[in-house]
N, C-alpha and C. Protein backbone atom coordinates (compact mmCIF):
# COMPACT_ATOMS: atom_id res chain seq x y z
N MET A 1 0.85 -1.18 0.00
CA MET A 1 0.00 0.00 0.00
C MET A 1 0.89 1.24 0.00
N LYS A 2 0.49 2.23 -0.80
CA LYS A 2 1.20 3.50 -0.86
C LYS A 2 1.20 4.16 0.52
N LYS A 3 2.29 4.80 0.87
CA LYS A 3 2.37 5.52 2.14
C LYS A 3 1.94 6.97 1.93
N TYR A 4 1.20 7.51 2.90
CA TYR A 4 0.69 8.86 2.80
C TYR A 4 1.37 9.78 3.79
N GLU A 5 1.41 11.07 3.47
CA GLU A 5 2.11 12.05 4.30
C GLU A 5 1.47 12.20 5.68
N ASN A 6 0.16 12.20 5.73
CA ASN A 6 -0.54 12.38 6.99
C ASN A 6 -0.51 11.05 7.76
N ALA A 7 0.20 11.03 8.87
CA ALA A 7 0.37 9.79 9.65
C ALA A 7 -0.96 9.26 10.17
N GLU A 8 -1.86 10.14 10.56
CA GLU A 8 -3.18 9.71 11.04
C GLU A 8 -3.95 8.98 9.94
N VAL A 9 -3.91 9.54 8.74
CA VAL A 9 -4.60 8.92 7.60
C VAL A 9 -3.95 7.58 7.28
N GLN A 10 -2.63 7.53 7.30
CA GLN A 10 -1.93 6.28 7.02
C GLN A 10 -2.33 5.20 8.03
N LYS A 11 -2.37 5.55 9.29
CA LYS A 11 -2.76 4.60 10.33
C LYS A 11 -4.19 4.11 10.11
N PHE A 12 -5.09 5.04 9.79
CA PHE A 12 -6.49 4.69 9.53
C PHE A 12 -6.59 3.70 8.37
N LEU A 13 -5.91 4.00 7.28
CA LEU A 13 -5.94 3.12 6.10
C LEU A 13 -5.32 1.76 6.39
N ASP A 14 -4.23 1.75 7.14
CA ASP A 14 -3.59 0.47 7.51
C ASP A 14 -4.55 -0.39 8.33
N GLU A 15 -5.23 0.25 9.28
CA GLU A 15 -6.15 -0.49 10.16
C GLU A 15 -7.35 -1.05 9.40
N ILE A 16 -7.94 -0.24 8.52
CA ILE A 16 -9.12 -0.74 7.82
C ILE A 16 -8.75 -1.75 6.74
N SER A 17 -7.53 -1.66 6.21
CA SER A 17 -7.13 -2.63 5.18
C SER A 17 -7.04 -4.04 5.76
N MET A 18 -6.78 -4.14 7.05
CA MET A 18 -6.73 -5.46 7.69
C MET A 18 -8.13 -6.03 7.90
N VAL A 19 -9.13 -5.17 7.95
CA VAL A 19 -10.50 -5.60 8.17
C VAL A 19 -11.21 -5.88 6.84
N ASP A 20 -11.05 -4.97 5.86
CA ASP A 20 -11.76 -5.11 4.59
C ASP A 20 -10.94 -4.47 3.47
N ALA A 21 -10.11 -5.27 2.83
CA ALA A 21 -9.20 -4.77 1.79
C ALA A 21 -9.97 -4.20 0.59
N GLU A 22 -11.09 -4.82 0.23
CA GLU A 22 -11.85 -4.35 -0.93
C GLU A 22 -12.42 -2.95 -0.70
N LYS A 23 -13.01 -2.73 0.47
CA LYS A 23 -13.54 -1.40 0.77
C LYS A 23 -12.41 -0.39 0.90
N THR A 24 -11.27 -0.82 1.41
CA THR A 24 -10.12 0.06 1.52
C THR A 24 -9.69 0.53 0.14
N ASP A 25 -9.62 -0.39 -0.83
CA ASP A 25 -9.26 -0.02 -2.21
C ASP A 25 -10.25 0.98 -2.79
N THR A 26 -11.52 0.77 -2.53
CA THR A 26 -12.56 1.68 -3.01
C THR A 26 -12.37 3.06 -2.39
N LEU A 27 -12.16 3.10 -1.09
CA LEU A 27 -11.96 4.36 -0.37
C LEU A 27 -10.72 5.09 -0.91
N ILE A 28 -9.63 4.37 -1.12
CA ILE A 28 -8.39 4.97 -1.60
C ILE A 28 -8.58 5.54 -3.00
N GLU A 29 -9.29 4.83 -3.86
CA GLU A 29 -9.51 5.33 -5.22
C GLU A 29 -10.33 6.61 -5.20
N MET A 30 -11.35 6.68 -4.35
CA MET A 30 -12.15 7.90 -4.26
C MET A 30 -11.32 9.04 -3.65
N ARG A 31 -10.49 8.72 -2.70
CA ARG A 31 -9.60 9.71 -2.10
C ARG A 31 -8.68 10.30 -3.16
N GLU A 32 -8.16 9.45 -4.03
CA GLU A 32 -7.27 9.91 -5.10
C GLU A 32 -8.00 10.82 -6.09
N ILE A 33 -9.27 10.54 -6.36
CA ILE A 33 -10.07 11.41 -7.24
C ILE A 33 -10.17 12.80 -6.62
N ILE A 34 -10.38 12.86 -5.31
CA ILE A 34 -10.48 14.16 -4.63
C ILE A 34 -9.17 14.93 -4.79
N PHE A 35 -8.03 14.27 -4.56
CA PHE A 35 -6.74 14.96 -4.66
C PHE A 35 -6.37 15.30 -6.10
N GLU A 36 -6.78 14.50 -7.06
CA GLU A 36 -6.53 14.83 -8.47
C GLU A 36 -7.36 16.04 -8.88
N THR A 37 -8.57 16.14 -8.35
CA THR A 37 -9.46 17.25 -8.69
C THR A 37 -9.05 18.53 -7.97
N PHE A 38 -8.68 18.42 -6.71
CA PHE A 38 -8.31 19.57 -5.89
C PHE A 38 -6.98 19.28 -5.18
N PRO A 39 -5.86 19.47 -5.88
CA PRO A 39 -4.54 19.12 -5.31
C PRO A 39 -4.19 19.83 -4.01
N GLU A 40 -4.78 20.96 -3.74
CA GLU A 40 -4.47 21.73 -2.52
C GLU A 40 -5.26 21.25 -1.30
N THR A 41 -6.01 20.19 -1.46
CA THR A 41 -6.84 19.65 -0.38
C THR A 41 -5.98 19.20 0.79
N LYS A 42 -6.48 19.44 1.98
CA LYS A 42 -5.88 18.92 3.22
C LYS A 42 -6.85 17.88 3.78
N GLU A 43 -6.32 16.91 4.50
CA GLU A 43 -7.17 15.86 5.05
C GLU A 43 -6.80 15.60 6.50
N ARG A 44 -7.78 15.09 7.22
CA ARG A 44 -7.53 14.66 8.59
C ARG A 44 -8.59 13.64 8.99
N ILE A 45 -8.31 12.93 10.05
CA ILE A 45 -9.25 11.95 10.57
C ILE A 45 -10.19 12.66 11.53
N MET A 46 -11.49 12.57 11.22
CA MET A 46 -12.54 13.15 12.08
C MET A 46 -13.81 12.35 11.88
N TYR A 47 -14.63 12.28 12.89
CA TYR A 47 -15.94 11.64 12.80
C TYR A 47 -15.86 10.18 12.35
N GLY A 48 -14.72 9.54 12.59
CA GLY A 48 -14.56 8.14 12.22
C GLY A 48 -14.19 7.89 10.77
N GLY A 49 -13.78 8.93 10.06
CA GLY A 49 -13.40 8.78 8.66
C GLY A 49 -12.36 9.81 8.27
N ILE A 50 -12.17 9.96 6.97
CA ILE A 50 -11.23 10.95 6.44
C ILE A 50 -12.07 12.13 5.95
N VAL A 51 -11.79 13.32 6.46
CA VAL A 51 -12.49 14.51 6.00
C VAL A 51 -11.51 15.40 5.24
N PHE A 52 -12.05 16.13 4.28
CA PHE A 52 -11.24 16.92 3.36
C PHE A 52 -11.59 18.39 3.50
N PHE A 53 -10.53 19.22 3.48
CA PHE A 53 -10.66 20.65 3.66
C PHE A 53 -9.99 21.39 2.50
N PHE A 54 -10.59 22.50 2.14
CA PHE A 54 -9.99 23.42 1.18
C PHE A 54 -10.10 24.80 1.79
N ASP A 55 -8.99 25.49 1.92
CA ASP A 55 -8.96 26.80 2.60
C ASP A 55 -9.64 26.72 3.96
N ASP A 56 -9.31 25.70 4.73
CA ASP A 56 -9.80 25.49 6.09
C ASP A 56 -11.31 25.25 6.18
N GLU A 57 -11.98 24.99 5.07
CA GLU A 57 -13.40 24.68 5.08
C GLU A 57 -13.61 23.22 4.66
N MET A 58 -14.30 22.47 5.50
CA MET A 58 -14.57 21.07 5.18
C MET A 58 -15.57 21.01 4.02
N PHE A 59 -15.22 20.20 3.00
CA PHE A 59 -16.13 20.09 1.87
C PHE A 59 -16.57 18.66 1.59
N SER A 60 -15.86 17.67 2.14
CA SER A 60 -16.20 16.29 1.83
C SER A 60 -15.62 15.36 2.89
N GLY A 61 -16.07 14.11 2.86
CA GLY A 61 -15.55 13.11 3.78
C GLY A 61 -15.80 11.70 3.25
N LEU A 62 -14.93 10.79 3.62
CA LEU A 62 -15.05 9.38 3.26
C LEU A 62 -15.20 8.57 4.53
N PHE A 63 -16.22 7.70 4.55
CA PHE A 63 -16.51 6.92 5.73
C PHE A 63 -16.78 5.48 5.35
N LEU A 64 -16.22 4.58 6.12
CA LEU A 64 -16.39 3.15 5.90
C LEU A 64 -17.58 2.66 6.70
N ASN A 65 -18.50 1.99 6.03
CA ASN A 65 -19.67 1.40 6.67
C ASN A 65 -19.64 -0.10 6.45
N LYS A 66 -20.52 -0.82 7.10
CA LYS A 66 -20.53 -2.28 6.99
C LYS A 66 -20.69 -2.76 5.55
N ASN A 67 -21.60 -2.15 4.79
CA ASN A 67 -21.90 -2.62 3.45
C ASN A 67 -21.44 -1.71 2.32
N HIS A 68 -20.84 -0.58 2.65
CA HIS A 68 -20.45 0.37 1.61
C HIS A 68 -19.47 1.41 2.16
N VAL A 69 -18.94 2.21 1.24
CA VAL A 69 -18.16 3.39 1.58
C VAL A 69 -19.04 4.59 1.25
N THR A 70 -19.09 5.54 2.15
CA THR A 70 -19.90 6.74 1.93
C THR A 70 -18.99 7.91 1.62
N LEU A 71 -19.33 8.62 0.55
CA LEU A 71 -18.64 9.86 0.20
C LEU A 71 -19.62 10.99 0.47
N GLU A 72 -19.31 11.78 1.50
CA GLU A 72 -20.18 12.86 1.94
C GLU A 72 -19.76 14.18 1.31
N PHE A 73 -20.75 15.02 1.05
CA PHE A 73 -20.49 16.36 0.51
C PHE A 73 -21.18 17.38 1.40
N SER A 74 -20.40 18.31 1.93
CA SER A 74 -20.93 19.31 2.87
C SER A 74 -22.00 20.19 2.26
N LYS A 75 -21.86 20.51 0.97
CA LYS A 75 -22.85 21.35 0.29
C LYS A 75 -23.52 20.56 -0.83
N GLY A 76 -23.84 19.32 -0.55
CA GLY A 76 -24.46 18.45 -1.54
C GLY A 76 -25.80 18.93 -2.05
N PHE A 77 -26.49 19.73 -1.25
CA PHE A 77 -27.80 20.23 -1.67
C PHE A 77 -27.71 21.13 -2.90
N LEU A 78 -26.51 21.65 -3.18
CA LEU A 78 -26.31 22.51 -4.34
C LEU A 78 -25.94 21.74 -5.61
N MET A 79 -25.66 20.45 -5.49
CA MET A 79 -25.13 19.67 -6.60
C MET A 79 -26.20 19.27 -7.60
N LYS A 80 -25.78 19.27 -8.86
CA LYS A 80 -26.62 18.70 -9.91
C LYS A 80 -26.56 17.18 -9.76
N ASP A 81 -27.70 16.53 -9.85
CA ASP A 81 -27.79 15.08 -9.66
C ASP A 81 -28.85 14.50 -10.61
N PRO A 82 -28.56 14.50 -11.92
CA PRO A 82 -29.58 14.09 -12.89
C PRO A 82 -30.04 12.63 -12.75
N ASN A 83 -29.23 11.77 -12.15
CA ASN A 83 -29.59 10.36 -12.01
C ASN A 83 -30.05 9.98 -10.60
N ASP A 84 -30.20 10.96 -9.74
CA ASP A 84 -30.63 10.73 -8.35
C ASP A 84 -29.74 9.74 -7.61
N PHE A 85 -28.43 9.92 -7.74
CA PHE A 85 -27.48 9.06 -7.03
C PHE A 85 -27.25 9.52 -5.59
N LEU A 86 -27.43 10.80 -5.33
CA LEU A 86 -27.16 11.33 -4.00
C LEU A 86 -28.28 10.96 -3.03
N ASP A 87 -27.86 10.59 -1.83
CA ASP A 87 -28.79 10.30 -0.74
C ASP A 87 -28.68 11.41 0.30
N GLY A 88 -29.71 11.52 1.11
CA GLY A 88 -29.69 12.48 2.21
C GLY A 88 -30.82 13.47 2.08
N LYS A 89 -31.42 13.77 3.20
CA LYS A 89 -32.57 14.68 3.23
C LYS A 89 -32.30 15.88 4.14
N GLY A 90 -31.06 15.99 4.63
CA GLY A 90 -30.73 17.09 5.53
C GLY A 90 -30.73 18.42 4.81
N LYS A 91 -30.50 19.46 5.56
CA LYS A 91 -30.54 20.81 5.01
C LYS A 91 -29.44 21.04 3.98
N TYR A 92 -28.23 20.51 4.21
CA TYR A 92 -27.09 20.77 3.33
C TYR A 92 -26.41 19.52 2.79
N ARG A 93 -26.10 18.60 3.66
CA ARG A 93 -25.24 17.46 3.35
C ARG A 93 -25.97 16.42 2.50
N ARG A 94 -25.21 15.86 1.51
CA ARG A 94 -25.68 14.73 0.71
C ARG A 94 -24.53 13.74 0.61
N HIS A 95 -24.83 12.50 0.25
CA HIS A 95 -23.77 11.50 0.17
C HIS A 95 -24.06 10.46 -0.91
N LEU A 96 -22.98 9.83 -1.35
CA LEU A 96 -23.04 8.70 -2.27
C LEU A 96 -22.68 7.45 -1.50
N LYS A 97 -23.42 6.38 -1.72
CA LYS A 97 -23.08 5.08 -1.14
C LYS A 97 -22.45 4.25 -2.25
N ILE A 98 -21.22 3.82 -2.02
CA ILE A 98 -20.49 3.03 -3.00
C ILE A 98 -20.25 1.65 -2.41
N SER A 99 -20.93 0.64 -2.96
CA SER A 99 -20.85 -0.72 -2.43
C SER A 99 -19.76 -1.56 -3.08
N ALA A 100 -19.34 -1.20 -4.28
CA ALA A 100 -18.30 -1.93 -4.99
C ALA A 100 -17.47 -0.95 -5.82
N LYS A 101 -16.24 -1.29 -6.08
CA LYS A 101 -15.31 -0.38 -6.75
C LYS A 101 -15.83 0.11 -8.11
N GLU A 102 -16.52 -0.77 -8.85
CA GLU A 102 -17.03 -0.37 -10.17
C GLU A 102 -18.09 0.73 -10.08
N GLU A 103 -18.70 0.90 -8.93
CA GLU A 103 -19.69 1.97 -8.75
C GLU A 103 -19.05 3.35 -8.74
N ILE A 104 -17.75 3.42 -8.56
CA ILE A 104 -17.06 4.73 -8.61
C ILE A 104 -17.31 5.38 -9.97
N VAL A 105 -17.25 4.58 -11.02
CA VAL A 105 -17.54 5.09 -12.37
C VAL A 105 -19.04 5.15 -12.60
N ASN A 106 -19.74 4.09 -12.26
CA ASN A 106 -21.18 4.00 -12.53
C ASN A 106 -21.98 5.10 -11.83
N LYS A 107 -21.57 5.49 -10.64
CA LYS A 107 -22.27 6.55 -9.89
C LYS A 107 -21.60 7.91 -10.05
N LYS A 108 -20.67 7.99 -10.99
CA LYS A 108 -20.06 9.26 -11.41
C LYS A 108 -19.44 10.05 -10.26
N VAL A 109 -18.60 9.38 -9.48
CA VAL A 109 -17.94 10.02 -8.35
C VAL A 109 -17.20 11.28 -8.79
N SER A 110 -16.46 11.21 -9.89
CA SER A 110 -15.70 12.39 -10.36
C SER A 110 -16.61 13.58 -10.64
N PHE A 111 -17.76 13.32 -11.23
CA PHE A 111 -18.75 14.36 -11.54
C PHE A 111 -19.16 15.10 -10.26
N PHE A 112 -19.41 14.35 -9.21
CA PHE A 112 -19.83 14.96 -7.95
C PHE A 112 -18.66 15.65 -7.24
N VAL A 113 -17.49 15.05 -7.26
CA VAL A 113 -16.32 15.68 -6.62
C VAL A 113 -16.03 17.04 -7.28
N GLN A 114 -16.16 17.12 -8.59
CA GLN A 114 -15.91 18.39 -9.29
C GLN A 114 -16.84 19.50 -8.83
N GLN A 115 -18.00 19.12 -8.32
CA GLN A 115 -18.98 20.11 -7.83
C GLN A 115 -18.83 20.43 -6.35
N ALA A 116 -17.91 19.77 -5.68
CA ALA A 116 -17.84 19.84 -4.22
C ALA A 116 -17.39 21.20 -3.68
N LEU A 117 -16.70 21.98 -4.49
CA LEU A 117 -16.25 23.32 -4.05
C LEU A 117 -17.00 24.41 -4.80
């Protein structure tokens, strides 16, 4: 597994890879999409997952669940979602549930990440 600069993130990824390698791969691939889209992103471990910040404002997070990986968007209510992939009924936050790695493409993760800021 690739080593990451943030020691907290590295420890988190190492720990979850021992529990569920497939979900870890899915989480890592989505994390890489976030950094490819917004290279200046900062990350830290919060709320039991990896959260992402741009200019000190949290905009997204990745969380491991029993049956899927959740990609949360702080301002998801503003996002275009022509296929109704986003879940959530809260005032602002929306999320994608990714159950298998191929859903990263099928549920257009890149499309949503590009709208996250």
